[in-house]
Amino acid sequence: MILYVLPQFEGLPLHRIKEFIAQLVEETDMMIDQPLLEDFVVDFFDAGGFE
């Protein structure tokens, strides 16, 4: 997910990426570490954090 999917979102507004992560967590049965994904997005996109 971190290496292949999230980098494809480059150029999208951060709120859209945040919505994707939240929807992924809600609608799948996979064990997903949401804080880890959000931290990656902040680091990768130099976003400064989610509000």
PDB file of N, CA and C in Angstrom:
ATOM      1  N   MET A   1       0.829  -1.182   0.000  1.00  0.00           N
ATOM      2  CA  MET A   1       0.000   0.000   0.000  1.00  0.00           C
ATOM      3  C   MET A   1       0.880   1.254   0.000  1.00  0.00           C
ATOM      4  N   ILE A   2       1.823   1.290   0.913  1.00  0.00           N
ATOM      5  CA  ILE A   2       2.654   2.479   1.049  1.00  0.00           C
ATOM      6  C   ILE A   2       3.554   2.673  -0.166  1.00  0.00           C
ATOM      7  N   LEU A   3       4.107   1.598  -0.673  1.00  0.00           N
ATOM      8  CA  LEU A   3       5.062   1.728  -1.777  1.00  0.00           C
ATOM      9  C   LEU A   3       4.420   1.875  -3.149  1.00  0.00           C
ATOM     10  N   TYR A   4       3.239   1.298  -3.335  1.00  0.00           N
ATOM     11  CA  TYR A   4       2.673   1.253  -4.674  1.00  0.00           C
ATOM     12  C   TYR A   4       1.421   2.104  -4.873  1.00  0.00           C
ATOM     13  N   VAL A   5       0.572   2.208  -3.853  1.00  0.00           N
ATOM     14  CA  VAL A   5      -0.705   2.901  -4.030  1.00  0.00           C
ATOM     15  C   VAL A   5      -0.617   4.382  -3.670  1.00  0.00           C
ATOM     16  N   LEU A   6      -0.209   4.669  -2.454  1.00  0.00           N
ATOM     17  CA  LEU A   6      -0.225   6.067  -2.002  1.00  0.00           C
ATOM     18  C   LEU A   6       0.625   7.012  -2.859  1.00  0.00           C
ATOM     19  N   PRO A   7       1.792   6.607  -3.353  1.00  0.00           N
ATOM     20  CA  PRO A   7       2.537   7.529  -4.213  1.00  0.00           C
ATOM     21  C   PRO A   7       1.788   7.925  -5.497  1.00  0.00           C
ATOM     22  N   GLN A   8       0.826   7.115  -5.908  1.00  0.00           N
ATOM     23  CA  GLN A   8       0.045   7.438  -7.100  1.00  0.00           C
ATOM     24  C   GLN A   8      -0.879   8.634  -6.877  1.00  0.00           C
ATOM     25  N   PHE A   9      -1.085   9.012  -5.621  1.00  0.00           N
ATOM     26  CA  PHE A   9      -1.974  10.120  -5.286  1.00  0.00           C
ATOM     27  C   PHE A   9      -1.276  11.475  -5.313  1.00  0.00           C
ATOM     28  N   GLU A  10      -0.040  11.501  -5.736  1.00  0.00           N
ATOM     29  CA  GLU A  10       0.695  12.765  -5.788  1.00  0.00           C
ATOM     30  C   GLU A  10      -0.074  13.772  -6.633  1.00  0.00           C
ATOM     31  N   GLY A  11      -0.246  14.951  -6.104  1.00  0.00           N
ATOM     32  CA  GLY A  11      -0.977  16.009  -6.790  1.00  0.00           C
ATOM     33  C   GLY A  11      -2.416  16.151  -6.327  1.00  0.00           C
ATOM     34  N   LEU A  12      -2.942  15.147  -5.632  1.00  0.00           N
ATOM     35  CA  LEU A  12      -4.299  15.256  -5.101  1.00  0.00           C
ATOM     36  C   LEU A  12      -4.295  16.112  -3.841  1.00  0.00           C
ATOM     37  N   PRO A  13      -5.399  16.786  -3.571  1.00  0.00           N
ATOM     38  CA  PRO A  13      -5.493  17.519  -2.300  1.00  0.00           C
ATOM     39  C   PRO A  13      -5.415  16.547  -1.121  1.00  0.00           C
ATOM     40  N   LEU A  14      -4.823  17.004  -0.040  1.00  0.00           N
ATOM     41  CA  LEU A  14      -4.626  16.130   1.121  1.00  0.00           C
ATOM     42  C   LEU A  14      -5.928  15.597   1.692  1.00  0.00           C
ATOM     43  N   HIS A  15      -6.993  16.386   1.612  1.00  0.00           N
ATOM     44  CA  HIS A  15      -8.257  15.900   2.158  1.00  0.00           C
ATOM     45  C   HIS A  15      -8.776  14.701   1.370  1.00  0.00           C
ATOM     46  N   ARG A  16      -8.468  14.619   0.084  1.00  0.00           N
ATOM     47  CA  ARG A  16      -8.880  13.460  -0.723  1.00  0.00           C
ATOM     48  C   ARG A  16      -8.098  12.221  -0.322  1.00  0.00           C
ATOM     49  N   ILE A  17      -6.819  12.382  -0.026  1.00  0.00           N
ATOM     50  CA  ILE A  17      -6.011  11.249   0.417  1.00  0.00           C
ATOM     51  C   ILE A  17      -6.496  10.781   1.789  1.00  0.00           C
ATOM     52  N   LYS A  18      -6.799  11.725   2.656  1.00  0.00           N
ATOM     53  CA  LYS A  18      -7.307  11.401   3.981  1.00  0.00           C
ATOM     54  C   LYS A  18      -8.644  10.672   3.879  1.00  0.00           C
ATOM     55  N   GLU A  19      -9.507  11.106   2.974  1.00  0.00           N
ATOM     56  CA  GLU A  19     -10.788  10.429   2.766  1.00  0.00           C
ATOM     57  C   GLU A  19     -10.570   9.001   2.280  1.00  0.00           C
ATOM     58  N   PHE A  20      -9.618   8.810   1.377  1.00  0.00           N
ATOM     59  CA  PHE A  20      -9.317   7.474   0.875  1.00  0.00           C
ATOM     60  C   PHE A  20      -8.876   6.553   2.004  1.00  0.00           C
ATOM     61  N   ILE A  21      -7.979   7.027   2.845  1.00  0.00           N
ATOM     62  CA  ILE A  21      -7.480   6.204   3.949  1.00  0.00           C
ATOM     63  C   ILE A  21      -8.620   5.856   4.900  1.00  0.00           C
ATOM     64  N   ALA A  22      -9.453   6.834   5.244  1.00  0.00           N
ATOM     65  CA  ALA A  22     -10.577   6.581   6.151  1.00  0.00           C
ATOM     66  C   ALA A  22     -11.552   5.573   5.544  1.00  0.00           C
ATOM     67  N   GLN A  23     -11.836   5.707   4.270  1.00  0.00           N
ATOM     68  CA  GLN A  23     -12.746   4.784   3.600  1.00  0.00           C
ATOM     69  C   GLN A  23     -12.142   3.382   3.536  1.00  0.00           C
ATOM     70  N   LEU A  24     -10.868   3.301   3.288  1.00  0.00           N
ATOM     71  CA  LEU A  24     -10.181   2.014   3.247  1.00  0.00           C
ATOM     72  C   LEU A  24     -10.286   1.309   4.599  1.00  0.00           C
ATOM     73  N   VAL A  25     -10.072   2.048   5.667  1.00  0.00           N
ATOM     74  CA  VAL A  25     -10.141   1.476   7.005  1.00  0.00           C
ATOM     75  C   VAL A  25     -11.568   1.014   7.320  1.00  0.00           C
ATOM     76  N   GLU A  26     -12.563   1.822   6.949  1.00  0.00           N
ATOM     77  CA  GLU A  26     -13.955   1.516   7.264  1.00  0.00           C
ATOM     78  C   GLU A  26     -14.510   0.354   6.446  1.00  0.00           C
ATOM     79  N   GLU A  27     -14.143   0.265   5.184  1.00  0.00           N
ATOM     80  CA  GLU A  27     -14.828  -0.652   4.276  1.00  0.00           C
ATOM     81  C   GLU A  27     -14.076  -1.939   3.966  1.00  0.00           C
ATOM     82  N   THR A  28     -12.967  -2.174   4.629  1.00  0.00           N
ATOM     83  CA  THR A  28     -12.250  -3.420   4.389  1.00  0.00           C
ATOM     84  C   THR A  28     -12.113  -4.199   5.693  1.00  0.00           C
ATOM     85  N   ASP A  29     -11.885  -5.476   5.544  1.00  0.00           N
ATOM     86  CA  ASP A  29     -11.667  -6.328   6.707  1.00  0.00           C
ATOM     87  C   ASP A  29     -10.189  -6.467   7.032  1.00  0.00           C
ATOM     88  N   MET A  30      -9.360  -5.796   6.253  1.00  0.00           N
ATOM     89  CA  MET A  30      -7.926  -5.873   6.491  1.00  0.00           C
ATOM     90  C   MET A  30      -7.555  -5.109   7.756  1.00  0.00           C
ATOM     91  N   MET A  31      -6.516  -5.578   8.411  1.00  0.00           N
ATOM     92  CA  MET A  31      -5.983  -4.840   9.549  1.00  0.00           C
ATOM     93  C   MET A  31      -5.095  -3.737   8.987  1.00  0.00           C
ATOM     94  N   ILE A  32      -5.529  -2.504   9.137  1.00  0.00           N
ATOM     95  CA  ILE A  32      -4.813  -1.360   8.568  1.00  0.00           C
ATOM     96  C   ILE A  32      -4.417  -0.424   9.698  1.00  0.00           C
ATOM     97  N   ASP A  33      -3.164  -0.054   9.710  1.00  0.00           N
ATOM     98  CA  ASP A  33      -2.650   0.876  10.708  1.00  0.00           C
ATOM     99  C   ASP A  33      -2.837   2.293  10.159  1.00  0.00           C
ATOM    100  N   GLN A  34      -3.984   2.889  10.458  1.00  0.00           N
ATOM    101  CA  GLN A  34      -4.313   4.205   9.910  1.00  0.00           C
ATOM    102  C   GLN A  34      -3.288   5.271  10.290  1.00  0.00           C
ATOM    103  N   PRO A  35      -2.830   5.347  11.545  1.00  0.00           N
ATOM    104  CA  PRO A  35      -1.813   6.348  11.865  1.00  0.00           C
ATOM    105  C   PRO A  35      -0.526   6.175  11.057  1.00  0.00           C
ATOM    106  N   LEU A  36      -0.144   4.926  10.784  1.00  0.00           N
ATOM    107  CA  LEU A  36       1.049   4.686   9.979  1.00  0.00           C
ATOM    108  C   LEU A  36       0.856   5.225   8.561  1.00  0.00           C
ATOM    109  N   LEU A  37      -0.298   4.977   7.967  1.00  0.00           N
ATOM    110  CA  LEU A  37      -0.565   5.488   6.619  1.00  0.00           C
ATOM    111  C   LEU A  37      -0.572   7.009   6.595  1.00  0.00           C
ATOM    112  N   GLU A  38      -1.197   7.611   7.591  1.00  0.00           N
ATOM    113  CA  GLU A  38      -1.248   9.070   7.644  1.00  0.00           C
ATOM    114  C   GLU A  38       0.146   9.657   7.850  1.00  0.00           C
ATOM    115  N   ASP A  39       0.960   9.025   8.688  1.00  0.00           N
ATOM    116  CA  ASP A  39       2.334   9.496   8.886  1.00  0.00           C
ATOM    117  C   ASP A  39       3.135   9.411   7.588  1.00  0.00           C
ATOM    118  N   PHE A  40       2.930   8.324   6.850  1.00  0.00           N
ATOM    119  CA  PHE A  40       3.622   8.190   5.571  1.00  0.00           C
ATOM    120  C   PHE A  40       3.223   9.309   4.625  1.00  0.00           C
ATOM    121  N   VAL A  41       1.930   9.609   4.545  1.00  0.00           N
ATOM    122  CA  VAL A  41       1.452  10.663   3.647  1.00  0.00           C
ATOM    123  C   VAL A  41       2.079  12.000   4.020  1.00  0.00           C
ATOM    124  N   VAL A  42       2.135  12.276   5.310  1.00  0.00           N
ATOM    125  CA  VAL A  42       2.738  13.530   5.771  1.00  0.00           C
ATOM    126  C   VAL A  42       4.200  13.588   5.354  1.00  0.00           C
ATOM    127  N   ASP A  43       4.927  12.494   5.573  1.00  0.00           N
ATOM    128  CA  ASP A  43       6.348  12.467   5.217  1.00  0.00           C
ATOM    129  C   ASP A  43       6.564  12.497   3.708  1.00  0.00           C
ATOM    130  N   PHE A  44       5.821  11.684   2.987  1.00  0.00           N
ATOM    131  CA  PHE A  44       6.035  11.555   1.546  1.00  0.00           C
ATOM    132  C   PHE A  44       5.652  12.821   0.791  1.00  0.00           C
ATOM    133  N   PHE A  45       4.515  13.393   1.163  1.00  0.00           N
ATOM    134  CA  PHE A  45       4.036  14.581   0.454  1.00  0.00           C
ATOM    135  C   PHE A  45       4.447  15.873   1.133  1.00  0.00           C
ATOM    136  N   ASP A  46       5.241  15.763   2.219  1.00  0.00           N
ATOM    137  CA  ASP A  46       5.675  16.929   2.991  1.00  0.00           C
ATOM    138  C   ASP A  46       4.489  17.812   3.318  1.00  0.00           C
ATOM    139  N   ALA A  47       3.454  17.173   3.873  1.00  0.00           N
ATOM    140  CA  ALA A  47       2.156  17.820   4.057  1.00  0.00           C
ATOM    141  C   ALA A  47       2.053  18.591   5.364  1.00  0.00           C
ATOM    142  N   GLY A  48       2.849  18.280   6.346  1.00  0.00           N
ATOM    143  CA  GLY A  48       2.757  18.993   7.605  1.00  0.00           C
ATOM    144  C   GLY A  48       1.704  18.446   8.548  1.00  0.00           C
ATOM    145  N   GLY A  49       1.013  17.403   8.211  1.00  0.00           N
ATOM    146  CA  GLY A  49       0.057  16.770   9.116  1.00  0.00           C
ATOM    147  C   GLY A  49      -1.381  16.945   8.700  1.00  0.00           C
ATOM    148  N   PHE A  50      -2.203  16.059   9.227  1.00  0.00           N
ATOM    149  CA  PHE A  50      -3.650  16.130   9.005  1.00  0.00           C
ATOM    150  C   PHE A  50      -4.269  16.940  10.112  1.00  0.00           C
ATOM    151  N   GLU A  51      -5.291  17.645   9.785  1.00  0.00           N
ATOM    152  CA  GLU A  51      -5.982  18.452  10.796  1.00  0.00           C
ATOM    153  C   GLU A  51      -7.177  17.708  11.328  1.00  0.00           C
TER     154      GLU A  51
END
